[in-house]
Amino acid sequence: MEQVVIFTNVGCSACHQAMDYFTRNNIPFVERNIADDPTARDELLSRGFRATPVIQVGNETMVGFSEPKLRKMLGLVK
């Protein structure tokens, strides 16, 4: 499975929904909280994103949380 990275922020309910989904489905992920990690914040801004969550699976990126789209990105559905 491709590496899963999620950029999060404090108080972001969609971030928590996405991380809960990963945990429930035993999908390993790396959290990069932009409130705690200035490098993560700078990286996110340099890539043109202004909102969280930003979920990266391999070379694919999604802003927000959509379970159907995420399942497709993870290769769980065709």
C-alpha atoms as a PDB file:
ATOM      1  CA  MET A   1       0.000   0.000   0.000  1.00  0.00           C
ATOM      2  CA  GLU A   2       1.156   3.524  -0.770  1.00  0.00           C
ATOM      3  CA  GLN A   3       2.204   5.739   2.131  1.00  0.00           C
ATOM      4  CA  VAL A   4      -0.677   7.748   3.573  1.00  0.00           C
ATOM      5  CA  VAL A   5       0.046  11.235   4.923  1.00  0.00           C
ATOM      6  CA  ILE A   6      -2.608  13.513   6.390  1.00  0.00           C
ATOM      7  CA  PHE A   7      -2.106  17.194   7.126  1.00  0.00           C
ATOM      8  CA  THR A   8      -4.343  18.147  10.033  1.00  0.00           C
ATOM      9  CA  ASN A   9      -5.166  21.135  12.212  1.00  0.00           C
ATOM     10  CA  VAL A  10      -6.515  21.558  15.723  1.00  0.00           C
ATOM     11  CA  GLY A  11     -10.313  21.439  15.864  1.00  0.00           C
ATOM     12  CA  CYS A  12     -10.720  20.014  12.356  1.00  0.00           C
ATOM     13  CA  SER A  13     -13.625  17.553  12.500  1.00  0.00           C
ATOM     14  CA  ALA A  14     -12.984  16.215   8.977  1.00  0.00           C
ATOM     15  CA  CYS A  15      -9.378  15.517  10.030  1.00  0.00           C
ATOM     16  CA  HIS A  16     -10.640  13.433  12.941  1.00  0.00           C
ATOM     17  CA  GLN A  17     -13.116  11.604  10.694  1.00  0.00           C
ATOM     18  CA  ALA A  18     -10.328  10.689   8.284  1.00  0.00           C
ATOM     19  CA  MET A  19      -7.972   9.526  11.032  1.00  0.00           C
ATOM     20  CA  ASP A  20     -10.781   7.509  12.638  1.00  0.00           C
ATOM     21  CA  TYR A  21     -11.383   5.872   9.253  1.00  0.00           C
ATOM     22  CA  PHE A  22      -7.688   4.960   8.964  1.00  0.00           C
ATOM     23  CA  THR A  23      -7.630   3.556  12.502  1.00  0.00           C
ATOM     24  CA  ARG A  24     -10.873   1.536  12.096  1.00  0.00           C
ATOM     25  CA  ASN A  25      -9.561   0.019   8.879  1.00  0.00           C
ATOM     26  CA  ASN A  26      -6.014  -0.639  10.106  1.00  0.00           C
ATOM     27  CA  ILE A  27      -4.518   1.722   7.530  1.00  0.00           C
ATOM     28  CA  PRO A  28      -1.163   3.080   8.685  1.00  0.00           C
ATOM     29  CA  PHE A  29      -0.808   6.842   8.270  1.00  0.00           C
ATOM     30  CA  VAL A  30       1.470   9.720   9.148  1.00  0.00           C
ATOM     31  CA  GLU A  31      -0.174  12.761  10.723  1.00  0.00           C
ATOM     32  CA  ARG A  32       1.400  16.164  10.122  1.00  0.00           C
ATOM     33  CA  ASN A  33      -0.374  18.709  12.310  1.00  0.00           C
ATOM     34  CA  ILE A  34       0.151  22.208  10.933  1.00  0.00           C
ATOM     35  CA  ALA A  35      -0.541  23.802  14.336  1.00  0.00           C
ATOM     36  CA  ASP A  36       2.319  21.885  15.967  1.00  0.00           C
ATOM     37  CA  ASP A  37       4.738  21.597  13.054  1.00  0.00           C
ATOM     38  CA  PRO A  38       5.750  24.813  11.232  1.00  0.00           C
ATOM     39  CA  THR A  39       7.504  22.743   8.555  1.00  0.00           C
ATOM     40  CA  ALA A  40       4.243  20.923   7.782  1.00  0.00           C
ATOM     41  CA  ARG A  41       2.380  24.239   7.625  1.00  0.00           C
ATOM     42  CA  ASP A  42       4.980  25.739   5.282  1.00  0.00           C
ATOM     43  CA  GLU A  43       4.904  22.653   3.051  1.00  0.00           C
ATOM     44  CA  LEU A  44       1.118  22.738   2.829  1.00  0.00           C
ATOM     45  CA  LEU A  45       1.078  26.453   1.989  1.00  0.00           C
ATOM     46  CA  SER A  46       3.846  26.081  -0.594  1.00  0.00           C
ATOM     47  CA  ARG A  47       1.737  23.449  -2.352  1.00  0.00           C
ATOM     48  CA  GLY A  48      -1.164  25.912  -2.543  1.00  0.00           C
ATOM     49  CA  PHE A  49      -3.425  24.377   0.100  1.00  0.00           C
ATOM     50  CA  ARG A  50      -5.156  26.564   2.662  1.00  0.00           C
ATOM     51  CA  ALA A  51      -7.518  24.051   4.296  1.00  0.00           C
ATOM     52  CA  THR A  52      -7.264  20.747   6.140  1.00  0.00           C
ATOM     53  CA  PRO A  53      -7.374  17.861   5.939  1.00  0.00           C
ATOM     54  CA  VAL A  54      -5.115  17.305   2.988  1.00  0.00           C
ATOM     55  CA  ILE A  55      -4.657  13.588   2.453  1.00  0.00           C
ATOM     56  CA  GLN A  56      -1.898  12.241   0.267  1.00  0.00           C
ATOM     57  CA  VAL A  57      -1.836   8.615  -0.870  1.00  0.00           C
ATOM     58  CA  GLY A  58       1.242   8.049  -2.974  1.00  0.00           C
ATOM     59  CA  ASN A  59       1.049  10.693  -5.722  1.00  0.00           C
ATOM     60  CA  GLU A  60      -2.680  11.406  -5.280  1.00  0.00           C
ATOM     61  CA  THR A  61      -3.973  14.227  -3.106  1.00  0.00           C
ATOM     62  CA  MET A  62      -7.403  14.981  -1.691  1.00  0.00           C
ATOM     63  CA  VAL A  63      -8.561  18.074   0.180  1.00  0.00           C
ATOM     64  CA  GLY A  64     -11.267  17.314   2.730  1.00  0.00           C
ATOM     65  CA  PHE A  65     -12.577  13.872   3.571  1.00  0.00           C
ATOM     66  CA  SER A  66     -14.690  11.723   1.291  1.00  0.00           C
ATOM     67  CA  GLU A  67     -14.765   8.052   2.237  1.00  0.00           C
ATOM     68  CA  PRO A  68     -15.686   6.851  -1.285  1.00  0.00           C
ATOM     69  CA  LYS A  69     -12.904   8.905  -2.891  1.00  0.00           C
ATOM     70  CA  LEU A  70     -10.421   7.818  -0.226  1.00  0.00           C
ATOM     71  CA  ARG A  71     -11.311   4.156  -0.740  1.00  0.00           C
ATOM     72  CA  LYS A  72     -10.602   4.610  -4.451  1.00  0.00           C
ATOM     73  CA  MET A  73      -7.283   6.354  -3.752  1.00  0.00           C
ATOM     74  CA  LEU A  74      -6.304   3.483  -1.452  1.00  0.00           C
ATOM     75  CA  GLY A  75      -7.177   0.939  -4.131  1.00  0.00           C
ATOM     76  CA  LEU A  76      -9.926  -0.615  -2.027  1.00  0.00           C
ATOM     77  CA  VAL A  77     -12.453  -0.224  -4.866  1.00  0.00           C
ATOM     78  CA  LYS A  78     -11.981  -0.234  -8.612  1.00  0.00           C
END
